[in-house]
């Protein structure tokens, strides 16, 4: 199986390196972190976020999520979100890795990393990435547990978090 990904190299000096991965297999955040740190040795700050599938929701115990995706469109949406973050924040590099397909409870579903000269830009870029990914990525989540399966939509809180970046 081919590992789907997009890798964008900066076109000019000072532009951020942006990498996005859409993974049908297990996501190894520690390995991604190690690779990202090695590639960004000159950064003064590296901020990461790793999200996991919750094993319990209001519907009950979750065995797994199914993340549906549309080949080409889903990868492009991750890339567009990451490139928008690179334009908005003073970062050297960004990495977005997101699972698709079946993701078991407590497994990693998303990993983002931001490298910059100073901490504030890295924190803000990672926060921005997660707010946009949660609400706008072309991925569709279905929670599955014993006796239930339901599609998960962004919440009012997700919309509120996203407004911070548009107002």
N, C-alpha and C. Protein backbone atom coordinates (compact mmCIF):
# COMPACT_ATOMS: atom_id res chain seq x y z
N UNK A 1 0.85 -1.19 0.00
CA UNK A 1 0.00 0.00 0.00
C UNK A 1 0.89 1.25 0.00
N UNK A 2 0.56 2.19 -0.84
CA UNK A 2 1.30 3.45 -0.93
C UNK A 2 0.92 4.35 0.23
N UNK A 3 1.90 5.04 0.78
CA UNK A 3 1.67 5.97 1.89
C UNK A 3 1.27 7.30 1.29
N UNK A 4 -0.02 7.69 1.32
CA UNK A 4 -0.42 8.94 0.67
C UNK A 4 0.10 10.16 1.42
N UNK A 5 0.67 11.08 0.67
CA UNK A 5 1.13 12.31 1.32
C UNK A 5 1.34 13.39 0.28
N UNK A 6 1.42 14.61 0.77
CA UNK A 6 1.83 15.76 -0.02
C UNK A 6 3.00 16.37 0.71
N UNK A 7 3.98 16.79 -0.02
CA UNK A 7 5.11 17.48 0.57
C UNK A 7 5.36 18.72 -0.25
N UNK A 8 5.34 19.87 0.40
CA UNK A 8 5.56 21.13 -0.30
C UNK A 8 6.86 21.73 0.18
N UNK A 9 7.74 22.04 -0.72
CA UNK A 9 8.99 22.69 -0.35
C UNK A 9 8.86 24.18 -0.59
N UNK A 10 9.52 24.99 0.21
CA UNK A 10 9.40 26.45 0.04
C UNK A 10 9.92 26.88 -1.33
N UNK A 11 9.20 27.82 -1.93
CA UNK A 11 9.59 28.32 -3.24
C UNK A 11 10.63 29.42 -3.13
N UNK A 12 10.68 30.07 -1.99
CA UNK A 12 11.63 31.16 -1.81
C UNK A 12 12.18 31.11 -0.38
N UNK A 13 13.31 31.72 -0.20
CA UNK A 13 13.93 31.79 1.12
C UNK A 13 12.94 32.37 2.13
N UNK A 14 12.85 31.75 3.29
CA UNK A 14 11.99 32.25 4.34
C UNK A 14 10.59 31.67 4.35
N UNK A 15 10.21 30.92 3.32
CA UNK A 15 8.89 30.30 3.30
C UNK A 15 8.93 28.99 4.09
N UNK A 16 7.85 28.66 4.75
CA UNK A 16 7.78 27.45 5.57
C UNK A 16 7.69 26.19 4.72
N UNK A 17 8.27 25.13 5.23
CA UNK A 17 8.10 23.80 4.65
C UNK A 17 6.81 23.23 5.24
N UNK A 18 5.92 22.76 4.38
CA UNK A 18 4.63 22.23 4.82
C UNK A 18 4.52 20.78 4.35
N UNK A 19 4.24 19.89 5.29
CA UNK A 19 4.04 18.49 4.94
C UNK A 19 2.71 18.03 5.51
N UNK A 20 1.92 17.34 4.69
CA UNK A 20 0.66 16.77 5.16
C UNK A 20 0.61 15.30 4.79
N UNK A 21 0.08 14.51 5.70
CA UNK A 21 -0.04 13.06 5.51
C UNK A 21 -1.46 12.63 5.83
N UNK A 22 -2.06 11.82 4.97
CA UNK A 22 -3.34 11.19 5.25
C UNK A 22 -3.05 9.69 5.30
N UNK A 23 -3.21 9.10 6.48
CA UNK A 23 -2.71 7.75 6.72
C UNK A 23 -3.81 6.73 6.96
N UNK A 24 -3.87 5.68 6.14
CA UNK A 24 -4.84 4.61 6.39
C UNK A 24 -4.34 3.62 7.44
N UNK A 25 -3.07 3.72 7.82
CA UNK A 25 -2.51 2.82 8.83
C UNK A 25 -2.19 3.60 10.10
N UNK A 26 -1.75 2.88 11.12
CA UNK A 26 -1.47 3.49 12.43
C UNK A 26 -0.57 4.71 12.30
N UNK A 27 -0.85 5.70 13.11
CA UNK A 27 -0.09 6.94 13.16
C UNK A 27 0.88 6.82 14.34
N UNK A 28 2.16 7.03 14.09
CA UNK A 28 3.18 6.95 15.14
C UNK A 28 3.69 8.35 15.43
N UNK A 29 3.02 9.02 16.39
CA UNK A 29 3.36 10.40 16.72
C UNK A 29 4.79 10.55 17.20
N UNK A 30 5.32 9.59 17.94
CA UNK A 30 6.69 9.69 18.43
C UNK A 30 7.69 9.66 17.28
N UNK A 31 7.46 8.80 16.31
CA UNK A 31 8.35 8.74 15.14
C UNK A 31 8.25 10.02 14.33
N UNK A 32 7.02 10.53 14.15
CA UNK A 32 6.84 11.78 13.41
C UNK A 32 7.53 12.94 14.14
N UNK A 33 7.40 12.96 15.47
CA UNK A 33 8.06 13.99 16.27
C UNK A 33 9.57 13.93 16.08
N UNK A 34 10.15 12.76 16.18
CA UNK A 34 11.59 12.62 16.00
C UNK A 34 12.06 13.09 14.64
N UNK A 35 11.33 12.72 13.61
CA UNK A 35 11.67 13.15 12.24
C UNK A 35 11.55 14.65 12.09
N UNK A 36 10.49 15.22 12.69
CA UNK A 36 10.26 16.67 12.59
C UNK A 36 11.35 17.45 13.32
N UNK A 37 11.71 17.01 14.52
CA UNK A 37 12.78 17.68 15.28
C UNK A 37 14.09 17.62 14.51
N UNK A 38 14.41 16.47 13.98
CA UNK A 38 15.66 16.31 13.22
C UNK A 38 15.70 17.25 12.01
N UNK A 39 14.57 17.39 11.34
CA UNK A 39 14.50 18.23 10.14
C UNK A 39 14.52 19.73 10.47
N UNK A 40 14.25 20.07 11.74
CA UNK A 40 14.14 21.48 12.12
C UNK A 40 15.05 21.82 13.29
N UNK A 41 16.29 21.39 13.19
CA UNK A 41 17.27 21.59 14.26
C UNK A 41 17.48 23.06 14.61
N UNK A 42 17.35 23.97 13.69
CA UNK A 42 17.59 25.38 13.95
C UNK A 42 16.43 26.12 14.60
N UNK A 43 15.31 25.44 14.78
CA UNK A 43 14.13 26.09 15.35
C UNK A 43 14.32 26.38 16.83
N UNK A 44 13.86 27.53 17.28
CA UNK A 44 13.89 27.86 18.69
C UNK A 44 12.73 27.24 19.45
N UNK A 45 11.66 26.89 18.74
CA UNK A 45 10.48 26.29 19.37
C UNK A 45 9.89 25.23 18.45
N UNK A 46 9.50 24.14 19.06
CA UNK A 46 8.73 23.11 18.36
C UNK A 46 7.56 22.77 19.25
N UNK A 47 6.36 22.93 18.71
CA UNK A 47 5.13 22.63 19.43
C UNK A 47 4.42 21.51 18.70
N UNK A 48 3.95 20.52 19.45
CA UNK A 48 3.21 19.42 18.84
C UNK A 48 1.89 19.21 19.57
N UNK A 49 0.96 18.58 18.87
CA UNK A 49 -0.30 18.16 19.46
C UNK A 49 -0.61 16.79 18.90
N UNK A 50 -1.02 15.90 19.77
CA UNK A 50 -1.44 14.56 19.38
C UNK A 50 -2.85 14.33 19.90
N UNK A 51 -3.76 14.01 19.01
CA UNK A 51 -5.15 13.75 19.40
C UNK A 51 -5.44 12.26 19.32
N UNK A 52 -6.22 11.78 20.27
CA UNK A 52 -6.57 10.36 20.33
C UNK A 52 -8.08 10.18 20.30
N UNK A 53 -8.51 9.02 19.86
CA UNK A 53 -9.93 8.68 19.86
C UNK A 53 -10.35 8.41 21.29
N UNK A 54 -11.35 9.15 21.75
CA UNK A 54 -11.89 8.93 23.10
C UNK A 54 -12.66 7.61 23.13
N UNK A 55 -12.49 6.87 24.20
CA UNK A 55 -13.17 5.58 24.34
C UNK A 55 -14.58 5.69 24.88
N UNK A 56 -14.95 6.88 25.31
CA UNK A 56 -16.28 7.09 25.90
C UNK A 56 -16.83 8.42 25.41
N UNK A 57 -18.08 8.41 24.96
CA UNK A 57 -18.77 9.64 24.58
C UNK A 57 -20.16 9.60 25.19
N UNK A 58 -20.96 10.62 24.91
CA UNK A 58 -22.32 10.67 25.45
C UNK A 58 -23.17 9.50 24.95
N UNK A 59 -22.80 8.90 23.82
CA UNK A 59 -23.56 7.78 23.27
C UNK A 59 -23.18 6.46 23.94
N UNK A 60 -22.02 6.42 24.62
CA UNK A 60 -21.57 5.19 25.27
C UNK A 60 -20.12 4.90 24.95
N UNK A 61 -19.72 3.66 25.22
CA UNK A 61 -18.35 3.23 24.97
C UNK A 61 -18.11 3.12 23.46
N UNK A 62 -17.04 3.75 22.99
CA UNK A 62 -16.70 3.75 21.57
C UNK A 62 -15.64 2.69 21.31
N UNK A 63 -15.89 1.83 20.35
CA UNK A 63 -14.87 0.83 19.98
C UNK A 63 -13.89 1.41 18.97
N UNK A 64 -14.44 2.23 18.05
CA UNK A 64 -13.58 2.85 17.03
C UNK A 64 -14.32 3.98 16.33
N UNK A 65 -13.55 4.78 15.63
CA UNK A 65 -14.09 5.76 14.70
C UNK A 65 -13.83 5.25 13.30
N UNK A 66 -14.74 5.56 12.42
CA UNK A 66 -14.49 5.36 11.00
C UNK A 66 -14.38 6.74 10.39
N UNK A 67 -13.24 7.04 9.80
CA UNK A 67 -13.04 8.33 9.14
C UNK A 67 -13.12 8.11 7.64
N UNK A 68 -14.21 8.56 7.08
CA UNK A 68 -14.41 8.45 5.64
C UNK A 68 -13.68 9.60 4.97
N UNK A 69 -13.17 9.36 3.77
CA UNK A 69 -12.44 10.39 3.04
C UNK A 69 -12.70 10.20 1.55
N UNK A 70 -12.43 11.25 0.82
CA UNK A 70 -12.58 11.23 -0.62
C UNK A 70 -11.19 11.44 -1.20
N UNK A 71 -10.61 10.40 -1.83
CA UNK A 71 -9.24 10.51 -2.34
C UNK A 71 -9.04 11.74 -3.22
N UNK A 72 -7.98 12.45 -2.96
CA UNK A 72 -7.67 13.68 -3.68
C UNK A 72 -8.23 14.89 -2.96
N UNK A 73 -9.53 14.91 -2.72
CA UNK A 73 -10.17 16.03 -2.06
C UNK A 73 -9.73 16.13 -0.59
N UNK A 74 -9.72 15.03 0.12
CA UNK A 74 -9.35 15.04 1.54
C UNK A 74 -7.90 15.48 1.72
N UNK A 75 -6.99 14.93 0.92
CA UNK A 75 -5.59 15.33 1.00
C UNK A 75 -5.42 16.82 0.70
N UNK A 76 -6.14 17.29 -0.30
CA UNK A 76 -6.05 18.71 -0.67
C UNK A 76 -6.56 19.61 0.45
N UNK A 77 -7.60 19.18 1.17
CA UNK A 77 -8.11 20.01 2.26
C UNK A 77 -7.10 20.11 3.39
N UNK A 78 -6.40 19.03 3.71
CA UNK A 78 -5.35 19.09 4.73
C UNK A 78 -4.24 20.03 4.29
N UNK A 79 -3.85 19.90 3.04
CA UNK A 79 -2.79 20.75 2.49
C UNK A 79 -3.18 22.23 2.53
N UNK A 80 -4.42 22.55 2.14
CA UNK A 80 -4.87 23.95 2.12
C UNK A 80 -4.88 24.54 3.53
N UNK A 81 -5.32 23.77 4.52
CA UNK A 81 -5.34 24.24 5.90
C UNK A 81 -3.92 24.50 6.38
N UNK A 82 -3.01 23.58 6.10
CA UNK A 82 -1.61 23.74 6.54
C UNK A 82 -0.94 24.93 5.84
N UNK A 83 -1.20 25.09 4.56
CA UNK A 83 -0.60 26.21 3.84
C UNK A 83 -1.14 27.55 4.34
N UNK A 84 -2.42 27.59 4.72
CA UNK A 84 -2.99 28.82 5.29
C UNK A 84 -2.30 29.16 6.61
N UNK A 85 -2.00 28.15 7.41
CA UNK A 85 -1.29 28.38 8.67
C UNK A 85 0.12 28.89 8.40
N UNK A 86 0.77 28.34 7.40
CA UNK A 86 2.14 28.77 7.06
C UNK A 86 2.16 30.23 6.61
N UNK A 87 1.12 30.66 5.92
CA UNK A 87 1.03 32.05 5.48
C UNK A 87 0.71 32.99 6.64
N UNK A 88 -0.06 32.52 7.59
CA UNK A 88 -0.55 33.36 8.67
C UNK A 88 0.45 33.54 9.81
N UNK A 89 1.25 32.52 10.09
CA UNK A 89 2.15 32.55 11.24
C UNK A 89 3.60 32.48 10.79
N UNK A 90 4.48 33.05 11.58
CA UNK A 90 5.91 33.08 11.28
C UNK A 90 6.56 31.77 11.71
N UNK A 91 6.33 30.73 10.90
CA UNK A 91 6.85 29.40 11.20
C UNK A 91 7.83 28.96 10.12
N UNK A 92 8.72 28.06 10.51
CA UNK A 92 9.69 27.49 9.57
C UNK A 92 9.14 26.25 8.90
N UNK A 93 8.35 25.47 9.66
CA UNK A 93 7.83 24.21 9.12
C UNK A 93 6.57 23.82 9.86
N UNK A 94 5.71 23.09 9.14
CA UNK A 94 4.48 22.55 9.71
C UNK A 94 4.32 21.12 9.22
N UNK A 95 3.78 20.29 10.09
CA UNK A 95 3.45 18.91 9.74
C UNK A 95 2.05 18.62 10.23
N UNK A 96 1.22 18.08 9.35
CA UNK A 96 -0.12 17.62 9.72
C UNK A 96 -0.22 16.17 9.26
N UNK A 97 -0.48 15.28 10.22
CA UNK A 97 -0.71 13.86 9.90
C UNK A 97 -2.08 13.49 10.46
N UNK A 98 -2.94 12.95 9.61
CA UNK A 98 -4.30 12.60 10.04
C UNK A 98 -4.62 11.20 9.56
N UNK A 99 -5.28 10.45 10.40
CA UNK A 99 -5.71 9.10 10.04
C UNK A 99 -6.97 9.16 9.18
N UNK A 100 -7.19 8.09 8.45
CA UNK A 100 -8.44 7.85 7.75
C UNK A 100 -8.73 6.36 7.90
N UNK A 101 -9.96 5.95 7.58
CA UNK A 101 -10.34 4.56 7.78
C UNK A 101 -10.69 4.29 9.23
N UNK A 102 -10.49 3.05 9.67
CA UNK A 102 -10.83 2.67 11.04
C UNK A 102 -9.72 3.03 12.01
N UNK A 103 -10.10 3.73 13.09
CA UNK A 103 -9.16 4.12 14.14
C UNK A 103 -9.76 3.66 15.47
N UNK A 104 -9.09 2.75 16.13
CA UNK A 104 -9.60 2.19 17.39
C UNK A 104 -9.54 3.20 18.53
N UNK A 105 -10.40 3.00 19.52
CA UNK A 105 -10.41 3.86 20.70
C UNK A 105 -9.02 3.91 21.32
N UNK A 106 -8.62 5.09 21.70
CA UNK A 106 -7.34 5.42 22.33
C UNK A 106 -6.15 5.44 21.36
N UNK A 107 -6.36 5.14 20.08
CA UNK A 107 -5.29 5.29 19.09
C UNK A 107 -5.19 6.75 18.66
N UNK A 108 -4.01 7.13 18.19
CA UNK A 108 -3.81 8.49 17.68
C UNK A 108 -4.59 8.67 16.38
N UNK A 109 -5.25 9.81 16.31
CA UNK A 109 -6.03 10.14 15.11
C UNK A 109 -5.41 11.30 14.35
N UNK A 110 -4.71 12.19 15.08
CA UNK A 110 -4.10 13.36 14.44
C UNK A 110 -2.83 13.74 15.18
N UNK A 111 -1.87 14.25 14.41
CA UNK A 111 -0.62 14.77 14.97
C UNK A 111 -0.27 16.02 14.18
N UNK A 112 -0.04 17.12 14.87
CA UNK A 112 0.43 18.34 14.21
C UNK A 112 1.70 18.80 14.90
N UNK A 113 2.57 19.43 14.12
CA UNK A 113 3.81 19.98 14.66
C UNK A 113 4.08 21.30 13.96
N UNK A 114 4.60 22.25 14.73
CA UNK A 114 4.97 23.57 14.21
C UNK A 114 6.35 23.93 14.74
N UNK A 115 7.20 24.38 13.84
CA UNK A 115 8.54 24.82 14.22
C UNK A 115 8.68 26.29 13.87
N UNK A 116 9.23 27.07 14.81
CA UNK A 116 9.43 28.49 14.58
C UNK A 116 10.62 28.98 15.40
N UNK A 117 11.00 30.21 15.14
CA UNK A 117 12.10 30.81 15.90
C UNK A 117 11.69 31.05 17.34
N UNK A 118 10.42 31.37 17.57
CA UNK A 118 9.93 31.71 18.91
C UNK A 118 8.65 30.95 19.22
N UNK A 119 8.38 30.74 20.49
CA UNK A 119 7.29 29.87 20.93
C UNK A 119 5.90 30.33 20.51
N UNK A 120 5.60 31.62 20.59
CA UNK A 120 4.24 32.10 20.35
C UNK A 120 3.73 31.68 18.97
N UNK A 121 4.54 31.87 17.94
CA UNK A 121 4.10 31.51 16.59
C UNK A 121 3.85 30.00 16.47
N UNK A 122 4.68 29.20 17.11
CA UNK A 122 4.50 27.75 17.04
C UNK A 122 3.23 27.33 17.77
N UNK A 123 2.98 27.88 18.97
CA UNK A 123 1.76 27.55 19.70
C UNK A 123 0.52 27.97 18.90
N UNK A 124 0.54 29.19 18.38
CA UNK A 124 -0.63 29.68 17.64
C UNK A 124 -0.87 28.87 16.37
N UNK A 125 0.18 28.52 15.67
CA UNK A 125 0.02 27.74 14.44
C UNK A 125 -0.58 26.37 14.74
N UNK A 126 -0.10 25.71 15.79
CA UNK A 126 -0.65 24.39 16.15
C UNK A 126 -2.11 24.51 16.56
N UNK A 127 -2.44 25.53 17.33
CA UNK A 127 -3.82 25.75 17.77
C UNK A 127 -4.74 26.02 16.57
N UNK A 128 -4.29 26.88 15.68
CA UNK A 128 -5.03 27.21 14.46
C UNK A 128 -5.26 25.94 13.61
N UNK A 129 -4.21 25.16 13.43
CA UNK A 129 -4.33 23.93 12.65
C UNK A 129 -5.42 23.03 13.23
N UNK A 130 -5.40 22.83 14.55
CA UNK A 130 -6.38 21.94 15.15
C UNK A 130 -7.80 22.49 15.06
N UNK A 131 -7.97 23.78 15.25
CA UNK A 131 -9.31 24.35 15.13
C UNK A 131 -9.85 24.18 13.72
N UNK A 132 -9.03 24.41 12.72
CA UNK A 132 -9.48 24.26 11.33
C UNK A 132 -9.67 22.80 10.96
N UNK A 133 -8.76 21.92 11.39
CA UNK A 133 -8.91 20.50 11.07
C UNK A 133 -10.20 19.94 11.66
N UNK A 134 -10.47 20.29 12.90
CA UNK A 134 -11.66 19.78 13.60
C UNK A 134 -12.96 20.20 12.89
N UNK A 135 -12.98 21.39 12.33
CA UNK A 135 -14.21 21.93 11.75
C UNK A 135 -14.28 21.87 10.23
N UNK A 136 -13.14 21.86 9.54
CA UNK A 136 -13.17 22.06 8.09
C UNK A 136 -12.52 20.98 7.24
N UNK A 137 -11.75 20.08 7.82
CA UNK A 137 -11.08 19.06 7.01
C UNK A 137 -12.12 18.18 6.31
N UNK A 138 -11.83 17.79 5.09
CA UNK A 138 -12.73 16.94 4.31
C UNK A 138 -12.56 15.49 4.75
N UNK A 139 -12.97 15.25 5.99
CA UNK A 139 -12.99 13.92 6.60
C UNK A 139 -14.31 13.82 7.36
N UNK A 140 -14.95 12.65 7.31
CA UNK A 140 -16.24 12.48 7.94
C UNK A 140 -16.14 11.37 8.97
N UNK A 141 -16.47 11.71 10.23
CA UNK A 141 -16.27 10.80 11.36
C UNK A 141 -17.57 10.10 11.75
N UNK A 142 -17.44 8.81 11.96
CA UNK A 142 -18.56 8.01 12.45
C UNK A 142 -18.08 7.24 13.68
N UNK A 143 -18.71 7.54 14.84
CA UNK A 143 -18.41 6.81 16.07
C UNK A 143 -19.14 5.47 16.04
N UNK A 144 -18.43 4.43 16.45
CA UNK A 144 -19.04 3.10 16.47
C UNK A 144 -18.79 2.47 17.83
N UNK A 145 -19.85 1.98 18.43
CA UNK A 145 -19.76 1.28 19.71
C UNK A 145 -20.79 0.17 19.75
N UNK A 146 -20.86 -0.53 20.85
CA UNK A 146 -21.84 -1.60 20.96
C UNK A 146 -23.25 -1.02 20.96
N UNK A 147 -24.00 -1.36 19.94
CA UNK A 147 -25.39 -0.91 19.85
C UNK A 147 -25.59 0.46 19.23
N UNK A 148 -24.54 1.11 18.78
CA UNK A 148 -24.74 2.42 18.14
C UNK A 148 -23.65 2.71 17.12
N UNK A 149 -24.02 3.53 16.19
CA UNK A 149 -23.08 4.11 15.22
C UNK A 149 -23.69 5.45 14.85
N UNK A 150 -22.89 6.52 14.92
CA UNK A 150 -23.44 7.84 14.61
C UNK A 150 -22.36 8.71 13.98
N UNK A 151 -22.81 9.55 13.06
CA UNK A 151 -21.92 10.52 12.44
C UNK A 151 -21.66 11.64 13.44
N UNK A 152 -20.44 12.13 13.48
CA UNK A 152 -20.04 13.19 14.40
C UNK A 152 -19.85 14.48 13.62
N UNK A 153 -20.57 15.50 14.02
CA UNK A 153 -20.48 16.82 13.39
C UNK A 153 -19.73 17.77 14.31
N UNK A 154 -19.10 18.82 13.75
CA UNK A 154 -18.50 19.84 14.62
C UNK A 154 -19.54 20.42 15.56
N UNK A 155 -19.13 20.70 16.78
CA UNK A 155 -20.03 21.23 17.80
C UNK A 155 -20.07 22.76 17.78
N UNK A 156 -20.97 23.31 18.59
CA UNK A 156 -21.02 24.77 18.74
C UNK A 156 -19.70 25.28 19.31
N UNK A 157 -19.09 24.54 20.20
CA UNK A 157 -17.79 24.92 20.77
C UNK A 157 -16.72 24.93 19.68
N UNK A 158 -16.74 23.96 18.78
CA UNK A 158 -15.80 23.94 17.66
C UNK A 158 -15.97 25.19 16.80
N UNK A 159 -17.21 25.58 16.54
CA UNK A 159 -17.49 26.78 15.74
C UNK A 159 -16.99 28.02 16.46
N UNK A 160 -17.18 28.07 17.77
CA UNK A 160 -16.71 29.19 18.58
C UNK A 160 -15.18 29.28 18.54
N UNK A 161 -14.51 28.14 18.67
CA UNK A 161 -13.05 28.11 18.60
C UNK A 161 -12.55 28.61 17.24
N UNK A 162 -13.23 28.20 16.19
CA UNK A 162 -12.84 28.60 14.84
C UNK A 162 -13.01 30.10 14.61
N UNK A 163 -14.00 30.71 15.24
CA UNK A 163 -14.25 32.15 15.09
C UNK A 163 -13.06 32.99 15.54
N UNK A 164 -12.27 32.48 16.46
CA UNK A 164 -11.11 33.25 16.94
C UNK A 164 -10.19 33.62 15.80
N UNK A 165 -10.16 32.80 14.76
CA UNK A 165 -9.23 33.01 13.66
C UNK A 165 -9.85 33.79 12.50
N UNK A 166 -11.17 34.00 12.53
CA UNK A 166 -11.82 34.69 11.41
C UNK A 166 -12.34 36.07 11.77
N UNK A 167 -12.34 36.40 13.05
CA UNK A 167 -12.88 37.72 13.43
C UNK A 167 -11.78 38.72 13.71
